[in-house]
């Protein structure tokens, strides 16, 4: 399966695959003393159909690995995915 697009926020990534399914990756992002942001992969979920890639889906997956998380980042990711889908 080919990847059409990577859409990223600080700790989240949506991979849009060639069949239009979406794969969610969750990272631990931290600032390096050398001036860049390092991202360590925590978990990558199996792909789901676009209609299943909702706020509730992403929030549930994030809650499995983070006890506290800025939910605005979920909105940001979903907005970027929607913008990508609107331009196709």
PDB file of N, CA and C in Angstrom:
ATOM      1  N   UNK A   1       0.848  -1.176   0.000  1.00  0.00           N
ATOM      2  CA  UNK A   1       0.000   0.000   0.000  1.00  0.00           C
ATOM      3  C   UNK A   1       0.895   1.241   0.000  1.00  0.00           C
ATOM      4  N   UNK A   2       0.706   2.105  -0.947  1.00  0.00           N
ATOM      5  CA  UNK A   2       1.495   3.331  -1.040  1.00  0.00           C
ATOM      6  C   UNK A   2       0.908   4.425  -0.160  1.00  0.00           C
ATOM      7  N   UNK A   3       1.778   5.321   0.276  1.00  0.00           N
ATOM      8  CA  UNK A   3       1.354   6.457   1.089  1.00  0.00           C
ATOM      9  C   UNK A   3       1.226   7.666   0.171  1.00  0.00           C
ATOM     10  N   UNK A   4       0.039   8.270   0.156  1.00  0.00           N
ATOM     11  CA  UNK A   4      -0.200   9.452  -0.667  1.00  0.00           C
ATOM     12  C   UNK A   4       0.251  10.726   0.021  1.00  0.00           C
ATOM     13  N   UNK A   5       0.070  10.805   1.350  1.00  0.00           N
ATOM     14  CA  UNK A   5       0.342  12.053   2.056  1.00  0.00           C
ATOM     15  C   UNK A   5       0.572  11.782   3.529  1.00  0.00           C
ATOM     16  N   UNK A   6       1.555  12.490   4.115  1.00  0.00           N
ATOM     17  CA  UNK A   6       1.766  12.523   5.555  1.00  0.00           C
ATOM     18  C   UNK A   6       1.230  13.862   6.049  1.00  0.00           C
ATOM     19  N   UNK A   7       0.385  13.833   7.059  1.00  0.00           N
ATOM     20  CA  UNK A   7      -0.135  15.057   7.655  1.00  0.00           C
ATOM     21  C   UNK A   7       0.238  15.008   9.131  1.00  0.00           C
ATOM     22  N   UNK A   8       0.971  16.041   9.595  1.00  0.00           N
ATOM     23  CA  UNK A   8       1.544  15.981  10.931  1.00  0.00           C
ATOM     24  C   UNK A   8       1.187  17.189  11.779  1.00  0.00           C
ATOM     25  N   UNK A   9       1.096  16.930  13.075  1.00  0.00           N
ATOM     26  CA  UNK A   9       1.108  17.961  14.097  1.00  0.00           C
ATOM     27  C   UNK A   9       2.284  17.614  15.002  1.00  0.00           C
ATOM     28  N   UNK A  10       2.394  18.265  16.128  1.00  0.00           N
ATOM     29  CA  UNK A  10       3.549  18.033  17.007  1.00  0.00           C
ATOM     30  C   UNK A  10       3.666  16.564  17.436  1.00  0.00           C
ATOM     31  N   UNK A  11       2.553  15.967  17.865  1.00  0.00           N
ATOM     32  CA  UNK A  11       2.589  14.605  18.406  1.00  0.00           C
ATOM     33  C   UNK A  11       1.782  13.589  17.613  1.00  0.00           C
ATOM     34  N   UNK A  12       1.095  14.027  16.567  1.00  0.00           N
ATOM     35  CA  UNK A  12       0.219  13.140  15.808  1.00  0.00           C
ATOM     36  C   UNK A  12       0.579  13.150  14.329  1.00  0.00           C
ATOM     37  N   UNK A  13       0.264  12.052  13.666  1.00  0.00           N
ATOM     38  CA  UNK A  13       0.494  11.959  12.227  1.00  0.00           C
ATOM     39  C   UNK A  13      -0.609  11.104  11.613  1.00  0.00           C
ATOM     40  N   UNK A  14      -1.157  11.597  10.515  1.00  0.00           N
ATOM     41  CA  UNK A  14      -2.125  10.825   9.736  1.00  0.00           C
ATOM     42  C   UNK A  14      -1.461  10.507   8.410  1.00  0.00           C
ATOM     43  N   UNK A  15      -1.421   9.239   8.063  1.00  0.00           N
ATOM     44  CA  UNK A  15      -0.905   8.815   6.765  1.00  0.00           C
ATOM     45  C   UNK A  15      -2.095   8.480   5.890  1.00  0.00           C
ATOM     46  N   UNK A  16      -2.245   9.203   4.797  1.00  0.00           N
ATOM     47  CA  UNK A  16      -3.311   8.927   3.841  1.00  0.00           C
ATOM     48  C   UNK A  16      -2.754   7.911   2.850  1.00  0.00           C
ATOM     49  N   UNK A  17      -3.344   6.748   2.789  1.00  0.00           N
ATOM     50  CA  UNK A  17      -2.855   5.676   1.926  1.00  0.00           C
ATOM     51  C   UNK A  17      -3.528   5.732   0.561  1.00  0.00           C
ATOM     52  N   UNK A  18      -2.989   4.986  -0.387  1.00  0.00           N
ATOM     53  CA  UNK A  18      -3.473   5.030  -1.768  1.00  0.00           C
ATOM     54  C   UNK A  18      -4.928   4.586  -1.907  1.00  0.00           C
ATOM     55  N   UNK A  19      -5.436   3.799  -0.967  1.00  0.00           N
ATOM     56  CA  UNK A  19      -6.849   3.402  -1.017  1.00  0.00           C
ATOM     57  C   UNK A  19      -7.731   4.376  -0.223  1.00  0.00           C
ATOM     58  N   UNK A  20      -7.153   5.529   0.155  1.00  0.00           N
ATOM     59  CA  UNK A  20      -7.799   6.600   0.918  1.00  0.00           C
ATOM     60  C   UNK A  20      -8.038   6.265   2.382  1.00  0.00           C
ATOM     61  N   UNK A  21      -7.604   5.093   2.846  1.00  0.00           N
ATOM     62  CA  UNK A  21      -7.692   4.816   4.277  1.00  0.00           C
ATOM     63  C   UNK A  21      -6.646   5.674   4.998  1.00  0.00           C
ATOM     64  N   UNK A  22      -6.813   5.795   6.315  1.00  0.00           N
ATOM     65  CA  UNK A  22      -5.960   6.676   7.114  1.00  0.00           C
ATOM     66  C   UNK A  22      -5.355   5.872   8.257  1.00  0.00           C
ATOM     67  N   UNK A  23      -4.049   6.050   8.448  1.00  0.00           N
ATOM     68  CA  UNK A  23      -3.329   5.357   9.520  1.00  0.00           C
ATOM     69  C   UNK A  23      -2.842   6.422  10.508  1.00  0.00           C
ATOM     70  N   UNK A  24      -3.144   6.246  11.789  1.00  0.00           N
ATOM     71  CA  UNK A  24      -2.766   7.189  12.837  1.00  0.00           C
ATOM     72  C   UNK A  24      -1.481   6.736  13.527  1.00  0.00           C
ATOM     73  N   UNK A  25      -0.554   7.682  13.679  1.00  0.00           N
ATOM     74  CA  UNK A  25       0.656   7.455  14.468  1.00  0.00           C
ATOM     75  C   UNK A  25       0.681   8.474  15.591  1.00  0.00           C
ATOM     76  N   UNK A  26       1.113   8.028  16.772  1.00  0.00           N
ATOM     77  CA  UNK A  26       1.206   8.906  17.931  1.00  0.00           C
ATOM     78  C   UNK A  26       2.660   8.933  18.387  1.00  0.00           C
ATOM     79  N   UNK A  27       3.170  10.138  18.585  1.00  0.00           N
ATOM     80  CA  UNK A  27       4.570  10.345  18.940  1.00  0.00           C
ATOM     81  C   UNK A  27       4.702  11.035  20.284  1.00  0.00           C
ATOM     82  N   UNK A  28       5.880  10.906  20.866  1.00  0.00           N
ATOM     83  CA  UNK A  28       6.304  11.728  21.990  1.00  0.00           C
ATOM     84  C   UNK A  28       7.298  12.726  21.409  1.00  0.00           C
ATOM     85  N   UNK A  29       6.935  13.976  21.424  1.00  0.00           N
ATOM     86  CA  UNK A  29       7.772  15.008  20.833  1.00  0.00           C
ATOM     87  C   UNK A  29       8.418  15.826  21.935  1.00  0.00           C
ATOM     88  N   UNK A  30       9.705  16.064  21.804  1.00  0.00           N
ATOM     89  CA  UNK A  30      10.405  16.895  22.788  1.00  0.00           C
ATOM     90  C   UNK A  30      11.490  17.688  22.082  1.00  0.00           C
ATOM     91  N   UNK A  31      11.784  18.847  22.662  1.00  0.00           N
ATOM     92  CA  UNK A  31      12.756  19.747  22.047  1.00  0.00           C
ATOM     93  C   UNK A  31      14.172  19.336  22.438  1.00  0.00           C
ATOM     94  N   UNK A  32      15.020  19.187  21.436  1.00  0.00           N
ATOM     95  CA  UNK A  32      16.413  18.816  21.652  1.00  0.00           C
ATOM     96  C   UNK A  32      17.221  20.049  22.054  1.00  0.00           C
ATOM     97  N   UNK A  33      18.238  19.863  22.885  1.00  0.00           N
ATOM     98  CA  UNK A  33      19.103  21.001  23.218  1.00  0.00           C
ATOM     99  C   UNK A  33      19.906  21.489  21.999  1.00  0.00           C
ATOM    100  N   UNK A  34      19.883  20.727  20.927  1.00  0.00           N
ATOM    101  CA  UNK A  34      20.611  21.098  19.713  1.00  0.00           C
ATOM    102  C   UNK A  34      19.763  21.898  18.735  1.00  0.00           C
ATOM    103  N   UNK A  35      18.527  22.262  19.154  1.00  0.00           N
ATOM    104  CA  UNK A  35      17.730  23.178  18.371  1.00  0.00           C
ATOM    105  C   UNK A  35      16.678  22.563  17.469  1.00  0.00           C
ATOM    106  N   UNK A  36      16.400  21.290  17.590  1.00  0.00           N
ATOM    107  CA  UNK A  36      15.368  20.685  16.756  1.00  0.00           C
ATOM    108  C   UNK A  36      14.399  19.898  17.645  1.00  0.00           C
ATOM    109  N   UNK A  37      13.256  19.574  17.097  1.00  0.00           N
ATOM    110  CA  UNK A  37      12.278  18.765  17.827  1.00  0.00           C
ATOM    111  C   UNK A  37      12.457  17.304  17.442  1.00  0.00           C
ATOM    112  N   UNK A  38      12.619  16.462  18.449  1.00  0.00           N
ATOM    113  CA  UNK A  38      12.777  15.028  18.228  1.00  0.00           C
ATOM    114  C   UNK A  38      11.435  14.361  18.480  1.00  0.00           C
ATOM    115  N   UNK A  39      11.061  13.457  17.589  1.00  0.00           N
ATOM    116  CA  UNK A  39       9.794  12.722  17.729  1.00  0.00           C
ATOM    117  C   UNK A  39      10.093  11.238  17.843  1.00  0.00           C
ATOM    118  N   UNK A  40       9.621  10.644  18.943  1.00  0.00           N
ATOM    119  CA  UNK A  40       9.766   9.206  19.156  1.00  0.00           C
ATOM    120  C   UNK A  40       8.404   8.556  18.973  1.00  0.00           C
ATOM    121  N   UNK A  41       8.340   7.569  18.094  1.00  0.00           N
ATOM    122  CA  UNK A  41       7.083   6.873  17.833  1.00  0.00           C
ATOM    123  C   UNK A  41       6.664   6.077  19.066  1.00  0.00           C
ATOM    124  N   UNK A  42       5.426   6.288  19.502  1.00  0.00           N
ATOM    125  CA  UNK A  42       4.860   5.522  20.611  1.00  0.00           C
ATOM    126  C   UNK A  42       4.053   4.360  20.053  1.00  0.00           C
ATOM    127  N   UNK A  43       3.147   4.656  19.108  1.00  0.00           N
ATOM    128  CA  UNK A  43       2.290   3.620  18.548  1.00  0.00           C
ATOM    129  C   UNK A  43       1.818   4.044  17.158  1.00  0.00           C
ATOM    130  N   UNK A  44       1.645   3.062  16.295  1.00  0.00           N
ATOM    131  CA  UNK A  44       1.066   3.274  14.970  1.00  0.00           C
ATOM    132  C   UNK A  44      -0.090   2.285  14.834  1.00  0.00           C
ATOM    133  N   UNK A  45      -1.268   2.810  14.573  1.00  0.00           N
ATOM    134  CA  UNK A  45      -2.472   1.985  14.501  1.00  0.00           C
ATOM    135  C   UNK A  45      -2.723   1.504  13.080  1.00  0.00           C
ATOM    136  N   UNK A  46      -3.523   0.452  12.961  1.00  0.00           N
ATOM    137  CA  UNK A  46      -3.887  -0.044  11.639  1.00  0.00           C
ATOM    138  C   UNK A  46      -4.751   1.007  10.948  1.00  0.00           C
ATOM    139  N   UNK A  47      -4.779   0.960   9.653  1.00  0.00           N
ATOM    140  CA  UNK A  47      -5.529   1.968   8.907  1.00  0.00           C
ATOM    141  C   UNK A  47      -7.034   1.744   9.051  1.00  0.00           C
ATOM    142  N   UNK A  48      -7.756   2.864   8.983  1.00  0.00           N
ATOM    143  CA  UNK A  48      -9.212   2.841   9.034  1.00  0.00           C
ATOM    144  C   UNK A  48      -9.738   3.621   7.839  1.00  0.00           C
ATOM    145  N   UNK A  49     -10.987   3.405   7.513  1.00  0.00           N
ATOM    146  CA  UNK A  49     -11.621   4.140   6.423  1.00  0.00           C
ATOM    147  C   UNK A  49     -11.813   5.601   6.844  1.00  0.00           C
ATOM    148  N   UNK A  50     -11.823   6.511   5.884  1.00  0.00           N
ATOM    149  CA  UNK A  50     -11.920   7.938   6.213  1.00  0.00           C
ATOM    150  C   UNK A  50     -13.103   8.291   7.116  1.00  0.00           C
ATOM    151  N   UNK A  51     -14.243   7.654   6.913  1.00  0.00           N
ATOM    152  CA  UNK A  51     -15.416   7.979   7.741  1.00  0.00           C
ATOM    153  C   UNK A  51     -15.235   7.545   9.196  1.00  0.00           C
ATOM    154  N   UNK A  52     -14.299   6.619   9.450  1.00  0.00           N
ATOM    155  CA  UNK A  52     -14.015   6.161  10.814  1.00  0.00           C
ATOM    156  C   UNK A  52     -12.964   7.025  11.504  1.00  0.00           C
ATOM    157  N   UNK A  53     -12.232   7.817  10.728  1.00  0.00           N
ATOM    158  CA  UNK A  53     -11.157   8.655  11.274  1.00  0.00           C
ATOM    159  C   UNK A  53     -11.777   9.951  11.802  1.00  0.00           C
ATOM    160  N   UNK A  54     -12.382   9.848  12.977  1.00  0.00           N
ATOM    161  CA  UNK A  54     -13.131  10.947  13.575  1.00  0.00           C
ATOM    162  C   UNK A  54     -12.415  11.467  14.820  1.00  0.00           C
ATOM    163  N   UNK A  55     -12.955  12.542  15.368  1.00  0.00           N
ATOM    164  CA  UNK A  55     -12.409  13.088  16.613  1.00  0.00           C
ATOM    165  C   UNK A  55     -12.436  12.028  17.709  1.00  0.00           C
ATOM    166  N   UNK A  56     -13.549  11.327  17.836  1.00  0.00           N
ATOM    167  CA  UNK A  56     -13.667  10.308  18.886  1.00  0.00           C
ATOM    168  C   UNK A  56     -12.647   9.192  18.703  1.00  0.00           C
ATOM    169  N   UNK A  57     -12.433   8.761  17.462  1.00  0.00           N
ATOM    170  CA  UNK A  57     -11.454   7.702  17.193  1.00  0.00           C
ATOM    171  C   UNK A  57     -10.053   8.152  17.613  1.00  0.00           C
ATOM    172  N   UNK A  58      -9.643   9.326  17.143  1.00  0.00           N
ATOM    173  CA  UNK A  58      -8.298   9.825  17.458  1.00  0.00           C
ATOM    174  C   UNK A  58      -8.168  10.071  18.956  1.00  0.00           C
ATOM    175  N   UNK A  59      -9.170  10.667  19.560  1.00  0.00           N
ATOM    176  CA  UNK A  59      -9.132  10.945  20.997  1.00  0.00           C
ATOM    177  C   UNK A  59      -9.008   9.660  21.809  1.00  0.00           C
ATOM    178  N   UNK A  60      -9.758   8.635  21.449  1.00  0.00           N
ATOM    179  CA  UNK A  60      -9.664   7.347  22.154  1.00  0.00           C
ATOM    180  C   UNK A  60      -8.274   6.751  22.045  1.00  0.00           C
ATOM    181  N   UNK A  61      -7.680   6.811  20.854  1.00  0.00           N
ATOM    182  CA  UNK A  61      -6.335   6.252  20.653  1.00  0.00           C
ATOM    183  C   UNK A  61      -5.289   7.049  21.429  1.00  0.00           C
ATOM    184  N   UNK A  62      -5.440   8.361  21.453  1.00  0.00           N
ATOM    185  CA  UNK A  62      -4.508   9.211  22.214  1.00  0.00           C
ATOM    186  C   UNK A  62      -4.637   8.926  23.707  1.00  0.00           C
ATOM    187  N   UNK A  63      -5.876   8.768  24.173  1.00  0.00           N
ATOM    188  CA  UNK A  63      -6.105   8.493  25.600  1.00  0.00           C
ATOM    189  C   UNK A  63      -5.490   7.175  26.048  1.00  0.00           C
ATOM    190  N   UNK A  64      -5.277   6.248  25.110  1.00  0.00           N
ATOM    191  CA  UNK A  64      -4.647   4.970  25.460  1.00  0.00           C
ATOM    192  C   UNK A  64      -3.181   5.135  25.844  1.00  0.00           C
ATOM    193  N   UNK A  65      -2.530   6.210  25.376  1.00  0.00           N
ATOM    194  CA  UNK A  65      -1.096   6.372  25.641  1.00  0.00           C
ATOM    195  C   UNK A  65      -0.747   7.621  26.444  1.00  0.00           C
ATOM    196  N   UNK A  66      -1.629   8.612  26.460  1.00  0.00           N
ATOM    197  CA  UNK A  66      -1.377   9.850  27.213  1.00  0.00           C
ATOM    198  C   UNK A  66      -2.446  10.024  28.282  1.00  0.00           C
ATOM    199  N   UNK A  67      -2.018  10.357  29.507  1.00  0.00           N
ATOM    200  CA  UNK A  67      -2.996  10.649  30.553  1.00  0.00           C
ATOM    201  C   UNK A  67      -3.522  12.072  30.405  1.00  0.00           C
ATOM    202  N   UNK A  68      -2.697  12.980  29.919  1.00  0.00           N
ATOM    203  CA  UNK A  68      -3.134  14.341  29.590  1.00  0.00           C
ATOM    204  C   UNK A  68      -2.619  14.657  28.201  1.00  0.00           C
ATOM    205  N   UNK A  69      -3.438  15.352  27.429  1.00  0.00           N
ATOM    206  CA  UNK A  69      -3.074  15.674  26.050  1.00  0.00           C
ATOM    207  C   UNK A  69      -3.871  16.893  25.628  1.00  0.00           C
ATOM    208  N   UNK A  70      -3.234  17.788  24.899  1.00  0.00           N
ATOM    209  CA  UNK A  70      -3.898  18.982  24.394  1.00  0.00           C
ATOM    210  C   UNK A  70      -4.820  18.582  23.244  1.00  0.00           C
ATOM    211  N   UNK A  71      -6.109  18.530  23.519  1.00  0.00           N
ATOM    212  CA  UNK A  71      -7.083  18.061  22.521  1.00  0.00           C
ATOM    213  C   UNK A  71      -7.189  19.003  21.321  1.00  0.00           C
ATOM    214  N   UNK A  72      -6.688  20.231  21.459  1.00  0.00           N
ATOM    215  CA  UNK A  72      -6.665  21.144  20.306  1.00  0.00           C
ATOM    216  C   UNK A  72      -5.819  20.568  19.183  1.00  0.00           C
ATOM    217  N   UNK A  73      -4.822  19.775  19.541  1.00  0.00           N
ATOM    218  CA  UNK A  73      -3.957  19.168  18.521  1.00  0.00           C
ATOM    219  C   UNK A  73      -4.735  18.153  17.679  1.00  0.00           C
ATOM    220  N   UNK A  74      -5.708  17.486  18.271  1.00  0.00           N
ATOM    221  CA  UNK A  74      -6.557  16.560  17.512  1.00  0.00           C
ATOM    222  C   UNK A  74      -7.374  17.340  16.494  1.00  0.00           C
ATOM    223  N   UNK A  75      -7.955  18.455  16.936  1.00  0.00           N
ATOM    224  CA  UNK A  75      -8.708  19.315  16.016  1.00  0.00           C
ATOM    225  C   UNK A  75      -7.822  19.801  14.873  1.00  0.00           C
ATOM    226  N   UNK A  76      -6.604  20.176  15.199  1.00  0.00           N
ATOM    227  CA  UNK A  76      -5.657  20.669  14.186  1.00  0.00           C
ATOM    228  C   UNK A  76      -5.365  19.582  13.147  1.00  0.00           C
ATOM    229  N   UNK A  77      -5.128  18.359  13.617  1.00  0.00           N
ATOM    230  CA  UNK A  77      -4.856  17.252  12.702  1.00  0.00           C
ATOM    231  C   UNK A  77      -6.062  16.984  11.806  1.00  0.00           C
ATOM    232  N   UNK A  78      -7.244  16.913  12.399  1.00  0.00           N
ATOM    233  CA  UNK A  78      -8.450  16.627  11.616  1.00  0.00           C
ATOM    234  C   UNK A  78      -8.744  17.737  10.609  1.00  0.00           C
ATOM    235  N   UNK A  79      -8.468  18.993  10.979  1.00  0.00           N
ATOM    236  CA  UNK A  79      -8.650  20.097  10.039  1.00  0.00           C
ATOM    237  C   UNK A  79      -7.699  19.976   8.861  1.00  0.00           C
ATOM    238  N   UNK A  80      -6.451  19.599   9.127  1.00  0.00           N
ATOM    239  CA  UNK A  80      -5.480  19.415   8.045  1.00  0.00           C
ATOM    240  C   UNK A  80      -5.885  18.266   7.125  1.00  0.00           C
ATOM    241  N   UNK A  81      -6.383  17.181   7.698  1.00  0.00           N
ATOM    242  CA  UNK A  81      -6.847  16.050   6.894  1.00  0.00           C
ATOM    243  C   UNK A  81      -8.033  16.487   6.034  1.00  0.00           C
ATOM    244  N   UNK A  82      -8.950  17.247   6.619  1.00  0.00           N
ATOM    245  CA  UNK A  82     -10.116  17.717   5.862  1.00  0.00           C
ATOM    246  C   UNK A  82      -9.695  18.644   4.727  1.00  0.00           C
ATOM    247  N   UNK A  83      -8.730  19.528   4.996  1.00  0.00           N
ATOM    248  CA  UNK A  83      -8.231  20.420   3.943  1.00  0.00           C
ATOM    249  C   UNK A  83      -7.612  19.622   2.802  1.00  0.00           C
ATOM    250  N   UNK A  84      -6.854  18.593   3.152  1.00  0.00           N
ATOM    251  CA  UNK A  84      -6.254  17.733   2.121  1.00  0.00           C
ATOM    252  C   UNK A  84      -7.342  17.066   1.302  1.00  0.00           C
ATOM    253  N   UNK A  85      -8.354  16.519   1.970  1.00  0.00           N
ATOM    254  CA  UNK A  85      -9.438  15.840   1.263  1.00  0.00           C
ATOM    255  C   UNK A  85     -10.234  16.799   0.379  1.00  0.00           C
ATOM    256  N   UNK A  86     -10.375  18.055   0.802  1.00  0.00           N
ATOM    257  CA  UNK A  86     -11.115  19.041   0.027  1.00  0.00           C
ATOM    258  C   UNK A  86     -10.384  19.454  -1.240  1.00  0.00           C
ATOM    259  N   UNK A  87      -9.052  19.304  -1.247  1.00  0.00           N
ATOM    260  CA  UNK A  87      -8.266  19.726  -2.428  1.00  0.00           C
ATOM    261  C   UNK A  87      -8.042  18.596  -3.419  1.00  0.00           C
ATOM    262  N   UNK A  88      -8.456  17.374  -3.088  1.00  0.00           N
ATOM    263  CA  UNK A  88      -8.255  16.238  -4.001  1.00  0.00           C
ATOM    264  C   UNK A  88      -9.214  16.302  -5.157  1.00  0.00           C
TER     265      UNK A  88
END
